[in-house]
Amino acid sequence: MFRTLLAKEFREQWRTWKAVILLSIFLISGLISPVLAKYTPVLLRSIPGIPEALMAAIPEPTISDAIAQYIKNTSQFGILLIILLTMGVIAQEKERGTAAMLFTKPVRRSAVVLAKWITGVSVILVGLAIGGFGCLAYTAMLFEGLPLGTFIALNLLMAVYFTVYLSITLLASAVARSQSMAAVGAFGGLVVLLVLDSLPRIGDYTPGKLPGWGATLVLGGHTTAWAALGVSAVIIVAAVALACWQLEREEI
């Protein structure tokens, strides 16, 4: 029965174009990031009337700029899309009454949550693989080749980072009675994590440190963020467990 639920979720991802949209955005982010890093200084220097002193202050692009652009673009678009495409996966079914029909069948409600979570994580991993390959190829063309092992590690850390927001949004969707309320809860969780990430000391334990750790690995640094990884794992497990518990106890 669980395999049937998974197959249903994957079909819905494709039929509603959610997977296509997410994969496309990840691919575009991966492709344009090295290009932006390489040619943004060139475009700035080509502005008519720019002072010589300002032109000289524009630094030459490096491979670290390509990595920074990749993390920035993929994170910004990725988090936004994950929230928008996930916030209605449970709340919308409750709102439309399809959840009540599904739960009349011999299926555990927690299995429904887990199927939706696994589907979301799978799409994120595939998206990062596609976008990462595009970034890897263009960075090699415009700068130099990136170390494959540490670049894979960067993308795995970003996958954990995205999974945190996926899990929180899934929890918001399980708790809410409508898609609009789920959106409020999901974006509220985003705001809370962003605020915590900006706080001294506390920010060292937040999921927002994971992409920076990945960038350090790629560039040969030795800074780690194991505490942030541990906190991220706790948030993911807690959010999914609470979503399962909420759906099991709710009268639909």
Protein backbone atom coordinates (compact mmCIF):
# COMPACT_ATOMS: atom_id res chain seq x y z
CA MET A 1 0.00 0.00 0.00
CA PHE A 2 2.87 2.36 0.77
CA ARG A 3 4.35 1.80 -2.69
CA THR A 4 0.96 2.67 -4.17
CA LEU A 5 0.94 5.92 -2.17
CA LEU A 6 4.45 6.76 -3.38
CA ALA A 7 3.50 6.09 -6.99
CA LYS A 8 0.43 8.30 -6.55
CA GLU A 9 2.52 11.16 -5.16
CA PHE A 10 5.11 10.96 -7.95
CA ARG A 11 2.35 10.95 -10.57
CA GLU A 12 0.79 14.02 -8.98
CA GLN A 13 4.15 15.80 -8.95
CA TRP A 14 4.40 15.37 -12.73
CA ARG A 15 0.73 15.91 -13.60
CA THR A 16 0.59 19.17 -11.66
CA TRP A 17 3.95 20.30 -13.12
CA LYS A 18 5.39 20.78 -9.63
CA ALA A 19 8.39 18.56 -10.27
CA VAL A 20 8.98 20.08 -13.70
CA ILE A 21 8.96 23.62 -12.29
CA LEU A 22 11.32 22.78 -9.43
CA LEU A 23 13.75 20.84 -11.62
CA SER A 24 13.77 23.59 -14.23
CA ILE A 25 14.52 26.31 -11.68
CA PHE A 26 17.35 24.27 -10.15
CA LEU A 27 18.83 23.69 -13.61
CA ILE A 28 18.60 27.37 -14.58
CA SER A 29 20.15 28.42 -11.25
CA GLY A 30 23.03 26.01 -11.77
CA LEU A 31 23.67 27.20 -15.31
CA ILE A 32 23.46 30.96 -14.80
CA SER A 33 25.42 31.18 -11.53
CA PRO A 34 28.93 30.80 -13.04
CA VAL A 35 27.89 33.05 -15.94
CA LEU A 36 26.75 35.81 -13.57
CA ALA A 37 29.92 35.48 -11.52
CA LYS A 38 32.09 35.70 -14.64
CA TYR A 39 30.42 38.52 -16.55
CA THR A 40 28.86 40.79 -13.90
CA PRO A 41 32.18 42.65 -13.37
CA VAL A 42 32.53 42.99 -17.15
CA LEU A 43 29.06 44.51 -17.41
CA LEU A 44 29.77 46.91 -14.55
CA ARG A 45 32.97 48.10 -16.21
CA SER A 46 31.08 48.70 -19.48
CA ILE A 47 28.72 51.24 -17.90
CA PRO A 48 29.29 54.60 -19.64
CA GLY A 49 30.81 57.33 -17.49
CA ILE A 50 31.91 55.06 -14.65
CA PRO A 51 34.82 56.67 -12.73
CA GLU A 52 38.25 55.13 -13.13
CA ALA A 53 38.64 54.67 -9.37
CA LEU A 54 35.37 52.76 -9.16
CA MET A 55 36.28 50.66 -12.18
CA ALA A 56 39.59 49.72 -10.59
CA ALA A 57 37.80 48.75 -7.38
CA ILE A 58 35.71 46.10 -9.16
CA PRO A 59 37.44 42.80 -8.36
CA GLU A 60 38.24 40.15 -10.92
CA PRO A 61 35.81 37.20 -10.75
CA THR A 62 37.05 34.01 -9.11
CA ILE A 63 35.80 30.49 -8.63
CA SER A 64 34.59 31.43 -5.14
CA ASP A 65 32.22 33.95 -6.77
CA ALA A 66 30.75 31.15 -8.89
CA ILE A 67 30.15 29.00 -5.79
CA ALA A 68 28.64 31.95 -3.90
CA GLN A 69 26.28 32.71 -6.80
CA TYR A 70 25.25 29.06 -7.03
CA ILE A 71 24.40 28.87 -3.34
CA LYS A 72 22.63 32.23 -3.36
CA ASN A 73 20.50 31.61 -6.45
CA THR A 74 19.63 28.00 -5.68
CA SER A 75 18.81 28.74 -2.04
CA GLN A 76 16.61 31.76 -2.71
CA PHE A 77 14.58 30.22 -5.52
CA GLY A 78 14.64 26.73 -4.02
CA ILE A 79 13.24 27.63 -0.61
CA LEU A 80 10.52 29.81 -2.10
CA LEU A 81 9.43 27.12 -4.55
CA ILE A 82 9.54 24.35 -1.96
CA ILE A 83 7.21 26.31 0.30
CA LEU A 84 4.85 27.31 -2.52
CA LEU A 85 4.67 23.81 -4.00
CA THR A 86 4.39 21.96 -0.67
CA MET A 87 2.11 24.12 1.45
CA GLY A 88 -1.06 22.67 -0.07
CA VAL A 89 -0.18 18.98 -0.33
CA ILE A 90 -2.22 18.07 2.76
CA ALA A 91 -4.22 21.22 3.56
CA GLN A 92 -5.64 21.42 0.05
CA GLU A 93 -6.75 17.78 0.16
CA LYS A 94 -8.53 18.43 3.47
CA GLU A 95 -10.07 21.60 2.06
CA ARG A 96 -11.40 19.83 -1.04
CA GLY A 97 -12.52 16.71 0.80
CA THR A 98 -10.22 14.32 -1.08
CA ALA A 99 -8.37 13.49 2.15
CA ALA A 100 -11.59 12.17 3.72
CA MET A 101 -12.10 9.89 0.71
CA LEU A 102 -8.51 8.64 0.89
CA PHE A 103 -8.68 7.89 4.61
CA THR A 104 -11.71 5.64 4.13
CA LYS A 105 -9.30 3.16 2.56
CA PRO A 106 -7.09 0.84 4.65
CA VAL A 107 -4.13 3.23 4.83
CA ARG A 108 -2.44 4.83 7.80
CA ARG A 109 -2.49 8.62 7.76
CA SER A 110 1.16 8.73 8.79
CA ALA A 111 1.99 6.73 5.66
CA VAL A 112 0.40 9.49 3.58
CA VAL A 113 2.63 12.08 5.25
CA LEU A 114 5.76 9.97 4.77
CA ALA A 115 4.92 9.34 1.10
CA LYS A 116 4.58 13.07 0.48
CA TRP A 117 7.81 13.76 2.37
CA ILE A 118 9.82 11.12 0.50
CA THR A 119 8.48 12.39 -2.82
CA GLY A 120 9.48 15.95 -1.95
CA VAL A 121 12.98 14.93 -0.85
CA SER A 122 13.43 12.87 -4.02
CA VAL A 123 12.54 15.82 -6.25
CA ILE A 124 14.94 18.05 -4.29
CA LEU A 125 17.79 15.55 -4.71
CA VAL A 126 17.17 15.17 -8.44
CA GLY A 127 16.91 18.95 -8.83
CA LEU A 128 20.21 19.53 -7.04
CA ALA A 129 21.85 16.81 -9.13
CA ILE A 130 20.70 18.48 -12.35
CA GLY A 131 21.51 22.02 -11.23
CA GLY A 132 24.81 20.94 -9.69
CA PHE A 133 25.89 19.28 -12.94
CA GLY A 134 25.09 22.47 -14.85
CA CYS A 135 27.07 24.56 -12.38
CA LEU A 136 29.97 22.08 -12.46
CA ALA A 137 30.16 22.13 -16.25
CA TYR A 138 29.91 25.91 -16.70
CA THR A 139 32.35 26.63 -13.86
CA ALA A 140 34.89 24.33 -15.52
CA MET A 141 34.38 26.20 -18.82
CA LEU A 142 34.55 29.73 -17.39
CA PHE A 143 36.94 29.28 -14.44
CA GLU A 144 38.42 25.90 -13.55
CA GLY A 145 37.21 22.46 -12.58
CA LEU A 146 35.68 22.01 -9.15
CA PRO A 147 36.65 19.08 -6.88
CA LEU A 148 33.85 16.58 -7.46
CA GLY A 149 33.78 15.03 -3.99
CA THR A 150 33.46 18.27 -2.05
CA PHE A 151 31.01 19.69 -4.60
CA ILE A 152 28.78 16.64 -4.04
CA ALA A 153 29.12 17.26 -0.30
CA LEU A 154 28.00 20.87 -0.83
CA ASN A 155 24.87 19.72 -2.65
CA LEU A 156 24.08 17.11 0.00
CA LEU A 157 24.31 19.78 2.71
CA MET A 158 22.03 22.00 0.63
CA ALA A 159 19.63 19.05 0.31
CA VAL A 160 19.47 18.83 4.11
CA TYR A 161 18.94 22.61 4.24
CA PHE A 162 16.03 22.39 1.81
CA THR A 163 14.59 19.36 3.57
CA VAL A 164 14.27 21.41 6.75
CA TYR A 165 11.93 23.84 4.97
CA LEU A 166 10.13 20.99 3.21
CA SER A 167 9.44 19.31 6.57
CA ILE A 168 8.30 22.53 8.26
CA THR A 169 5.98 23.30 5.34
CA LEU A 170 4.59 19.76 5.43
CA LEU A 171 3.88 20.21 9.15
CA ALA A 172 2.14 23.53 8.48
CA SER A 173 0.06 21.85 5.78
CA ALA A 174 -0.91 19.01 8.14
CA VAL A 175 -1.93 21.39 10.93
CA ALA A 176 -3.80 23.92 8.80
CA ARG A 177 -7.37 23.51 7.63
CA SER A 178 -6.80 25.53 4.46
CA GLN A 179 -3.99 26.26 2.03
CA SER A 180 -3.84 29.93 3.03
CA MET A 181 -3.31 29.04 6.69
CA ALA A 182 -0.64 26.53 5.67
CA ALA A 183 1.12 29.33 3.77
CA VAL A 184 1.08 31.53 6.87
CA GLY A 185 2.60 28.74 8.96
CA ALA A 186 5.25 27.83 6.37
CA PHE A 187 6.40 31.40 5.75
CA GLY A 188 6.27 32.03 9.50
CA GLY A 189 8.71 29.16 9.99
CA LEU A 190 10.93 30.66 7.28
CA VAL A 191 10.98 34.03 9.04
CA VAL A 192 11.79 32.45 12.41
CA LEU A 193 14.71 30.48 11.00
CA LEU A 194 16.07 33.52 9.15
CA VAL A 195 15.92 35.62 12.33
CA LEU A 196 17.63 32.89 14.36
CA ASP A 197 20.27 32.53 11.67
CA SER A 198 21.18 36.22 12.01
CA LEU A 199 21.63 36.09 15.77
CA PRO A 200 25.16 35.82 17.24
CA ARG A 201 26.08 32.35 18.55
CA ILE A 202 22.56 31.03 18.07
CA GLY A 203 23.07 31.32 14.32
CA ASP A 204 25.90 28.77 14.52
CA TYR A 205 23.31 26.09 15.31
CA THR A 206 20.80 26.91 12.59
CA PRO A 207 20.32 25.17 9.20
CA GLY A 208 21.43 28.35 7.40
CA LYS A 209 25.04 27.48 8.20
CA LEU A 210 24.97 24.33 6.06
CA PRO A 211 25.42 25.93 2.60
CA GLY A 212 28.33 28.02 3.93
CA TRP A 213 29.95 24.87 5.29
CA GLY A 214 29.58 23.26 1.87
CA ALA A 215 31.19 26.25 0.17
CA THR A 216 34.11 26.08 2.60
CA LEU A 217 34.62 22.41 1.73
CA VAL A 218 34.68 23.13 -2.01
CA LEU A 219 37.18 25.97 -1.60
CA GLY A 220 39.50 23.91 0.58
CA GLY A 221 38.63 25.35 3.97
CA HIS A 222 38.35 23.45 7.24
CA THR A 223 35.43 25.18 8.98
CA THR A 224 32.68 22.77 10.05
CA ALA A 225 29.06 23.10 11.18
CA TRP A 226 28.25 19.74 12.73
CA ALA A 227 26.04 21.36 15.34
CA ALA A 228 23.92 22.98 12.63
CA LEU A 229 23.66 19.62 10.84
CA GLY A 230 22.50 17.95 14.07
CA VAL A 231 19.91 20.66 14.75
CA SER A 232 18.68 20.35 11.15
CA ALA A 233 18.21 16.60 11.57
CA VAL A 234 16.26 17.16 14.79
CA ILE A 235 14.01 19.75 13.11
CA ILE A 236 13.32 17.40 10.19
CA VAL A 237 12.48 14.40 12.37
CA ALA A 238 10.39 16.48 14.78
CA ALA A 239 8.43 18.23 12.00
CA VAL A 240 7.62 14.99 10.16
CA ALA A 241 6.70 13.20 13.41
CA LEU A 242 4.43 16.05 14.47
CA ALA A 243 2.80 16.12 11.03
CA CYS A 244 2.09 12.38 11.30
CA TRP A 245 0.74 12.76 14.85
CA GLN A 246 -1.47 15.72 13.92
CA LEU A 247 -3.01 13.94 10.94
CA GLU A 248 -3.58 10.72 12.92
CA ARG A 249 -5.51 12.52 15.66
CA GLU A 250 -7.44 15.00 13.50
CA GLU A 251 -11.06 14.35 12.61
CA ILE A 252 -11.50 14.66 8.87
